[in-house]
Amino acid sequence: MNKDIFKANWKELKGHVRKTWGKITDDEIEEAKGNMEVIIAKLHEKYGMEKEEARNRLNDIYKSIKH
């Protein structure tokens, strides 16, 4: 999933991000405003996740929503 697709689907995705990664606050999610790189940075900061792993996990969430 590219950044444009992520941003376009942000309303659907943000609820799943909240459920999946509870350490990311609602304020942080709102501040990201659909910016995939901001969410990836938060996943790294709060969960120690590498960028590629975070990107893959976000892709998995996106695929689950679209199917």
PDB file of N, CA and C in Angstrom:
ATOM      1  N   MET A   1       0.858  -1.171   0.000  1.00  0.00           N
ATOM      2  CA  MET A   1       0.000   0.000   0.000  1.00  0.00           C
ATOM      3  C   MET A   1       0.900   1.228   0.000  1.00  0.00           C
ATOM      4  N   ASN A   2       0.579   2.156  -0.871  1.00  0.00           N
ATOM      5  CA  ASN A   2       1.386   3.366  -0.884  1.00  0.00           C
ATOM      6  C   ASN A   2       0.772   4.426   0.025  1.00  0.00           C
ATOM      7  N   LYS A   3       1.490   5.527   0.186  1.00  0.00           N
ATOM      8  CA  LYS A   3       1.072   6.584   1.107  1.00  0.00           C
ATOM      9  C   LYS A   3      -0.272   7.194   0.725  1.00  0.00           C
ATOM     10  N   ASP A   4      -0.527   7.325  -0.576  1.00  0.00           N
ATOM     11  CA  ASP A   4      -1.795   7.915  -1.021  1.00  0.00           C
ATOM     12  C   ASP A   4      -2.982   7.028  -0.673  1.00  0.00           C
ATOM     13  N   ILE A   5      -2.829   5.732  -0.862  1.00  0.00           N
ATOM     14  CA  ILE A   5      -3.893   4.783  -0.515  1.00  0.00           C
ATOM     15  C   ILE A   5      -4.124   4.805   0.993  1.00  0.00           C
ATOM     16  N   PHE A   6      -3.037   4.847   1.756  1.00  0.00           N
ATOM     17  CA  PHE A   6      -3.142   4.897   3.212  1.00  0.00           C
ATOM     18  C   PHE A   6      -3.944   6.125   3.637  1.00  0.00           C
ATOM     19  N   LYS A   7      -3.584   7.271   3.104  1.00  0.00           N
ATOM     20  CA  LYS A   7      -4.261   8.515   3.467  1.00  0.00           C
ATOM     21  C   LYS A   7      -5.732   8.494   3.043  1.00  0.00           C
ATOM     22  N   ALA A   8      -6.006   7.971   1.865  1.00  0.00           N
ATOM     23  CA  ALA A   8      -7.379   7.911   1.352  1.00  0.00           C
ATOM     24  C   ALA A   8      -8.268   7.013   2.202  1.00  0.00           C
ATOM     25  N   ASN A   9      -7.679   6.016   2.836  1.00  0.00           N
ATOM     26  CA  ASN A   9      -8.440   5.062   3.647  1.00  0.00           C
ATOM     27  C   ASN A   9      -8.254   5.283   5.144  1.00  0.00           C
ATOM     28  N   TRP A  10      -7.741   6.438   5.511  1.00  0.00           N
ATOM     29  CA  TRP A  10      -7.382   6.705   6.896  1.00  0.00           C
ATOM     30  C   TRP A  10      -8.566   6.577   7.852  1.00  0.00           C
ATOM     31  N   LYS A  11      -9.747   7.035   7.461  1.00  0.00           N
ATOM     32  CA  LYS A  11     -10.901   6.958   8.368  1.00  0.00           C
ATOM     33  C   LYS A  11     -11.190   5.516   8.773  1.00  0.00           C
ATOM     34  N   GLU A  12     -11.083   4.599   7.821  1.00  0.00           N
ATOM     35  CA  GLU A  12     -11.299   3.187   8.123  1.00  0.00           C
ATOM     36  C   GLU A  12     -10.131   2.606   8.911  1.00  0.00           C
ATOM     37  N   LEU A  13      -8.936   2.968   8.537  1.00  0.00           N
ATOM     38  CA  LEU A  13      -7.744   2.381   9.130  1.00  0.00           C
ATOM     39  C   LEU A  13      -7.491   2.827  10.567  1.00  0.00           C
ATOM     40  N   LYS A  14      -7.801   4.067  10.895  1.00  0.00           N
ATOM     41  CA  LYS A  14      -7.413   4.567  12.208  1.00  0.00           C
ATOM     42  C   LYS A  14      -8.081   3.814  13.364  1.00  0.00           C
ATOM     43  N   GLY A  15      -9.296   3.360  13.174  1.00  0.00           N
ATOM     44  CA  GLY A  15      -9.945   2.563  14.218  1.00  0.00           C
ATOM     45  C   GLY A  15      -9.230   1.244  14.437  1.00  0.00           C
ATOM     46  N   HIS A  16      -8.765   0.651  13.373  1.00  0.00           N
ATOM     47  CA  HIS A  16      -8.031  -0.607  13.480  1.00  0.00           C
ATOM     48  C   HIS A  16      -6.649  -0.389  14.085  1.00  0.00           C
ATOM     49  N   VAL A  17      -6.036   0.740  13.781  1.00  0.00           N
ATOM     50  CA  VAL A  17      -4.740   1.075  14.386  1.00  0.00           C
ATOM     51  C   VAL A  17      -4.928   1.230  15.893  1.00  0.00           C
ATOM     52  N   ARG A  18      -5.997   1.923  16.295  1.00  0.00           N
ATOM     53  CA  ARG A  18      -6.283   2.096  17.727  1.00  0.00           C
ATOM     54  C   ARG A  18      -6.451   0.749  18.430  1.00  0.00           C
ATOM     55  N   LYS A  19      -7.226  -0.142  17.811  1.00  0.00           N
ATOM     56  CA  LYS A  19      -7.489  -1.451  18.418  1.00  0.00           C
ATOM     57  C   LYS A  19      -6.235  -2.313  18.479  1.00  0.00           C
ATOM     58  N   THR A  20      -5.438  -2.265  17.435  1.00  0.00           N
ATOM     59  CA  THR A  20      -4.275  -3.137  17.332  1.00  0.00           C
ATOM     60  C   THR A  20      -3.128  -2.670  18.219  1.00  0.00           C
ATOM     61  N   TRP A  21      -2.900  -1.377  18.264  1.00  0.00           N
ATOM     62  CA  TRP A  21      -1.773  -0.832  19.011  1.00  0.00           C
ATOM     63  C   TRP A  21      -2.246   0.204  20.018  1.00  0.00           C
ATOM     64  N   GLY A  22      -2.654  -0.282  21.180  1.00  0.00           N
ATOM     65  CA  GLY A  22      -3.235   0.564  22.213  1.00  0.00           C
ATOM     66  C   GLY A  22      -2.292   1.568  22.843  1.00  0.00           C
ATOM     67  N   LYS A  23      -0.980   1.390  22.662  1.00  0.00           N
ATOM     68  CA  LYS A  23      -0.032   2.350  23.230  1.00  0.00           C
ATOM     69  C   LYS A  23      -0.005   3.657  22.446  1.00  0.00           C
ATOM     70  N   ILE A  24      -0.512   3.637  21.222  1.00  0.00           N
ATOM     71  CA  ILE A  24      -0.586   4.865  20.437  1.00  0.00           C
ATOM     72  C   ILE A  24      -1.863   5.584  20.864  1.00  0.00           C
ATOM     73  N   THR A  25      -1.699   6.800  21.334  1.00  0.00           N
ATOM     74  CA  THR A  25      -2.843   7.536  21.881  1.00  0.00           C
ATOM     75  C   THR A  25      -3.751   8.060  20.772  1.00  0.00           C
ATOM     76  N   ASP A  26      -4.976   8.376  21.159  1.00  0.00           N
ATOM     77  CA  ASP A  26      -5.919   8.967  20.214  1.00  0.00           C
ATOM     78  C   ASP A  26      -5.375  10.280  19.655  1.00  0.00           C
ATOM     79  N   ASP A  27      -4.735  11.073  20.509  1.00  0.00           N
ATOM     80  CA  ASP A  27      -4.155  12.336  20.050  1.00  0.00           C
ATOM     81  C   ASP A  27      -3.068  12.103  19.001  1.00  0.00           C
ATOM     82  N   GLU A  28      -2.231  11.106  19.217  1.00  0.00           N
ATOM     83  CA  GLU A  28      -1.175  10.791  18.251  1.00  0.00           C
ATOM     84  C   GLU A  28      -1.767  10.327  16.923  1.00  0.00           C
ATOM     85  N   ILE A  29      -2.821   9.556  17.002  1.00  0.00           N
ATOM     86  CA  ILE A  29      -3.482   9.089  15.787  1.00  0.00           C
ATOM     87  C   ILE A  29      -4.086  10.270  15.035  1.00  0.00           C
ATOM     88  N   GLU A  30      -4.722  11.173  15.766  1.00  0.00           N
ATOM     89  CA  GLU A  30      -5.311  12.344  15.124  1.00  0.00           C
ATOM     90  C   GLU A  30      -4.239  13.257  14.536  1.00  0.00           C
ATOM     91  N   GLU A  31      -3.129  13.415  15.230  1.00  0.00           N
ATOM     92  CA  GLU A  31      -2.034  14.249  14.738  1.00  0.00           C
ATOM     93  C   GLU A  31      -1.426  13.695  13.453  1.00  0.00           C
ATOM     94  N   ALA A  32      -1.456  12.392  13.292  1.00  0.00           N
ATOM     95  CA  ALA A  32      -0.875  11.763  12.097  1.00  0.00           C
ATOM     96  C   ALA A  32      -1.634  12.153  10.838  1.00  0.00           C
ATOM     97  N   LYS A  33      -2.930  12.365  10.960  1.00  0.00           N
ATOM     98  CA  LYS A  33      -3.775  12.783   9.832  1.00  0.00           C
ATOM     99  C   LYS A  33      -3.552  11.932   8.585  1.00  0.00           C
ATOM    100  N   GLY A  34      -3.407  10.642   8.786  1.00  0.00           N
ATOM    101  CA  GLY A  34      -3.275   9.741   7.647  1.00  0.00           C
ATOM    102  C   GLY A  34      -1.877   9.631   7.080  1.00  0.00           C
ATOM    103  N   ASN A  35      -0.895  10.217   7.751  1.00  0.00           N
ATOM    104  CA  ASN A  35       0.483  10.142   7.281  1.00  0.00           C
ATOM    105  C   ASN A  35       1.086   8.813   7.739  1.00  0.00           C
ATOM    106  N   MET A  36       1.284   7.925   6.788  1.00  0.00           N
ATOM    107  CA  MET A  36       1.786   6.584   7.083  1.00  0.00           C
ATOM    108  C   MET A  36       3.130   6.617   7.805  1.00  0.00           C
ATOM    109  N   GLU A  37       4.002   7.520   7.424  1.00  0.00           N
ATOM    110  CA  GLU A  37       5.329   7.590   8.033  1.00  0.00           C
ATOM    111  C   GLU A  37       5.259   7.975   9.509  1.00  0.00           C
ATOM    112  N   VAL A  38       4.295   8.809   9.864  1.00  0.00           N
ATOM    113  CA  VAL A  38       4.118   9.190  11.272  1.00  0.00           C
ATOM    114  C   VAL A  38       3.679   7.978  12.083  1.00  0.00           C
ATOM    115  N   ILE A  39       2.750   7.210  11.564  1.00  0.00           N
ATOM    116  CA  ILE A  39       2.287   6.008  12.269  1.00  0.00           C
ATOM    117  C   ILE A  39       3.425   4.988  12.377  1.00  0.00           C
ATOM    118  N   ILE A  40       4.186   4.816  11.322  1.00  0.00           N
ATOM    119  CA  ILE A  40       5.327   3.894  11.355  1.00  0.00           C
ATOM    120  C   ILE A  40       6.334   4.339  12.422  1.00  0.00           C
ATOM    121  N   ALA A  41       6.590   5.641  12.504  1.00  0.00           N
ATOM    122  CA  ALA A  41       7.515   6.163  13.521  1.00  0.00           C
ATOM    123  C   ALA A  41       6.987   5.892  14.931  1.00  0.00           C
ATOM    124  N   LYS A  42       5.673   6.036  15.120  1.00  0.00           N
ATOM    125  CA  LYS A  42       5.080   5.761  16.438  1.00  0.00           C
ATOM    126  C   LYS A  42       5.186   4.274  16.787  1.00  0.00           C
ATOM    127  N   LEU A  43       4.991   3.421  15.800  1.00  0.00           N
ATOM    128  CA  LEU A  43       5.122   1.983  16.049  1.00  0.00           C
ATOM    129  C   LEU A  43       6.556   1.628  16.427  1.00  0.00           C
ATOM    130  N   HIS A  44       7.498   2.294  15.807  1.00  0.00           N
ATOM    131  CA  HIS A  44       8.909   2.078  16.150  1.00  0.00           C
ATOM    132  C   HIS A  44       9.183   2.573  17.569  1.00  0.00           C
ATOM    133  N   GLU A  45       8.709   3.763  17.866  1.00  0.00           N
ATOM    134  CA  GLU A  45       8.944   4.380  19.176  1.00  0.00           C
ATOM    135  C   GLU A  45       8.315   3.588  20.316  1.00  0.00           C
ATOM    136  N   LYS A  46       7.072   3.177  20.140  1.00  0.00           N
ATOM    137  CA  LYS A  46       6.330   2.567  21.242  1.00  0.00           C
ATOM    138  C   LYS A  46       6.428   1.047  21.308  1.00  0.00           C
ATOM    139  N   TYR A  47       6.725   0.417  20.170  1.00  0.00           N
ATOM    140  CA  TYR A  47       6.764  -1.044  20.136  1.00  0.00           C
ATOM    141  C   TYR A  47       8.107  -1.596  19.657  1.00  0.00           C
ATOM    142  N   GLY A  48       9.038  -0.722  19.275  1.00  0.00           N
ATOM    143  CA  GLY A  48      10.337  -1.175  18.802  1.00  0.00           C
ATOM    144  C   GLY A  48      10.277  -1.851  17.441  1.00  0.00           C
ATOM    145  N   MET A  49       9.220  -1.607  16.712  1.00  0.00           N
ATOM    146  CA  MET A  49       9.002  -2.252  15.419  1.00  0.00           C
ATOM    147  C   MET A  49       9.866  -1.590  14.343  1.00  0.00           C
ATOM    148  N   GLU A  50      10.506  -2.400  13.534  1.00  0.00           N
ATOM    149  CA  GLU A  50      11.265  -1.870  12.403  1.00  0.00           C
ATOM    150  C   GLU A  50      10.299  -1.334  11.356  1.00  0.00           C
ATOM    151  N   LYS A  51      10.780  -0.392  10.535  1.00  0.00           N
ATOM    152  CA  LYS A  51       9.911   0.239   9.553  1.00  0.00           C
ATOM    153  C   LYS A  51       9.246  -0.761   8.620  1.00  0.00           C
ATOM    154  N   GLU A  52       9.998  -1.700   8.123  1.00  0.00           N
ATOM    155  CA  GLU A  52       9.436  -2.666   7.170  1.00  0.00           C
ATOM    156  C   GLU A  52       8.366  -3.538   7.826  1.00  0.00           C
ATOM    157  N   GLU A  53       8.617  -3.949   9.065  1.00  0.00           N
ATOM    158  CA  GLU A  53       7.629  -4.749   9.794  1.00  0.00           C
ATOM    159  C   GLU A  53       6.354  -3.934  10.021  1.00  0.00           C
ATOM    160  N   ALA A  54       6.508  -2.674  10.419  1.00  0.00           N
ATOM    161  CA  ALA A  54       5.348  -1.804  10.648  1.00  0.00           C
ATOM    162  C   ALA A  54       4.564  -1.621   9.357  1.00  0.00           C
ATOM    163  N   ARG A  55       5.269  -1.375   8.275  1.00  0.00           N
ATOM    164  CA  ARG A  55       4.616  -1.205   6.970  1.00  0.00           C
ATOM    165  C   ARG A  55       3.851  -2.471   6.591  1.00  0.00           C
ATOM    166  N   ASN A  56       4.455  -3.631   6.812  1.00  0.00           N
ATOM    167  CA  ASN A  56       3.795  -4.902   6.497  1.00  0.00           C
ATOM    168  C   ASN A  56       2.553  -5.110   7.356  1.00  0.00           C
ATOM    169  N   ARG A  57       2.634  -4.779   8.632  1.00  0.00           N
ATOM    170  CA  ARG A  57       1.477  -4.933   9.520  1.00  0.00           C
ATOM    171  C   ARG A  57       0.341  -4.004   9.109  1.00  0.00           C
ATOM    172  N   LEU A  58       0.674  -2.762   8.726  1.00  0.00           N
ATOM    173  CA  LEU A  58      -0.340  -1.830   8.244  1.00  0.00           C
ATOM    174  C   LEU A  58      -0.966  -2.336   6.944  1.00  0.00           C
ATOM    175  N   ASN A  59      -0.150  -2.910   6.079  1.00  0.00           N
ATOM    176  CA  ASN A  59      -0.674  -3.507   4.842  1.00  0.00           C
ATOM    177  C   ASN A  59      -1.634  -4.638   5.153  1.00  0.00           C
ATOM    178  N   ASP A  60      -1.306  -5.466   6.134  1.00  0.00           N
ATOM    179  CA  ASP A  60      -2.182  -6.574   6.529  1.00  0.00           C
ATOM    180  C   ASP A  60      -3.532  -6.058   7.020  1.00  0.00           C
ATOM    181  N   ILE A  61      -3.503  -4.988   7.811  1.00  0.00           N
ATOM    182  CA  ILE A  61      -4.752  -4.402   8.292  1.00  0.00           C
ATOM    183  C   ILE A  61      -5.569  -3.889   7.116  1.00  0.00           C
ATOM    184  N   TYR A  62      -4.921  -3.197   6.197  1.00  0.00           N
ATOM    185  CA  TYR A  62      -5.612  -2.674   5.022  1.00  0.00           C
ATOM    186  C   TYR A  62      -6.256  -3.803   4.219  1.00  0.00           C
ATOM    187  N   LYS A  63      -5.520  -4.877   3.999  1.00  0.00           N
ATOM    188  CA  LYS A  63      -6.054  -6.022   3.239  1.00  0.00           C
ATOM    189  C   LYS A  63      -7.258  -6.641   3.954  1.00  0.00           C
ATOM    190  N   SER A  64      -7.195  -6.734   5.278  1.00  0.00           N
ATOM    191  CA  SER A  64      -8.310  -7.328   6.017  1.00  0.00           C
ATOM    192  C   SER A  64      -9.563  -6.466   5.925  1.00  0.00           C
ATOM    193  N   ILE A  65      -9.403  -5.160   5.849  1.00  0.00           N
ATOM    194  CA  ILE A  65     -10.529  -4.258   5.729  1.00  0.00           C
ATOM    195  C   ILE A  65     -11.169  -4.379   4.333  1.00  0.00           C
ATOM    196  N   LYS A  66     -10.348  -4.498   3.322  1.00  0.00           N
ATOM    197  CA  LYS A  66     -10.830  -4.505   1.947  1.00  0.00           C
ATOM    198  C   LYS A  66     -11.395  -5.858   1.506  1.00  0.00           C
ATOM    199  N   HIS A  67     -11.205  -6.886   2.305  1.00  0.00           N
ATOM    200  CA  HIS A  67     -11.738  -8.203   1.922  1.00  0.00           C
ATOM    201  C   HIS A  67     -12.944  -8.527   2.696  1.00  0.00           C
TER     202      HIS A  67
END
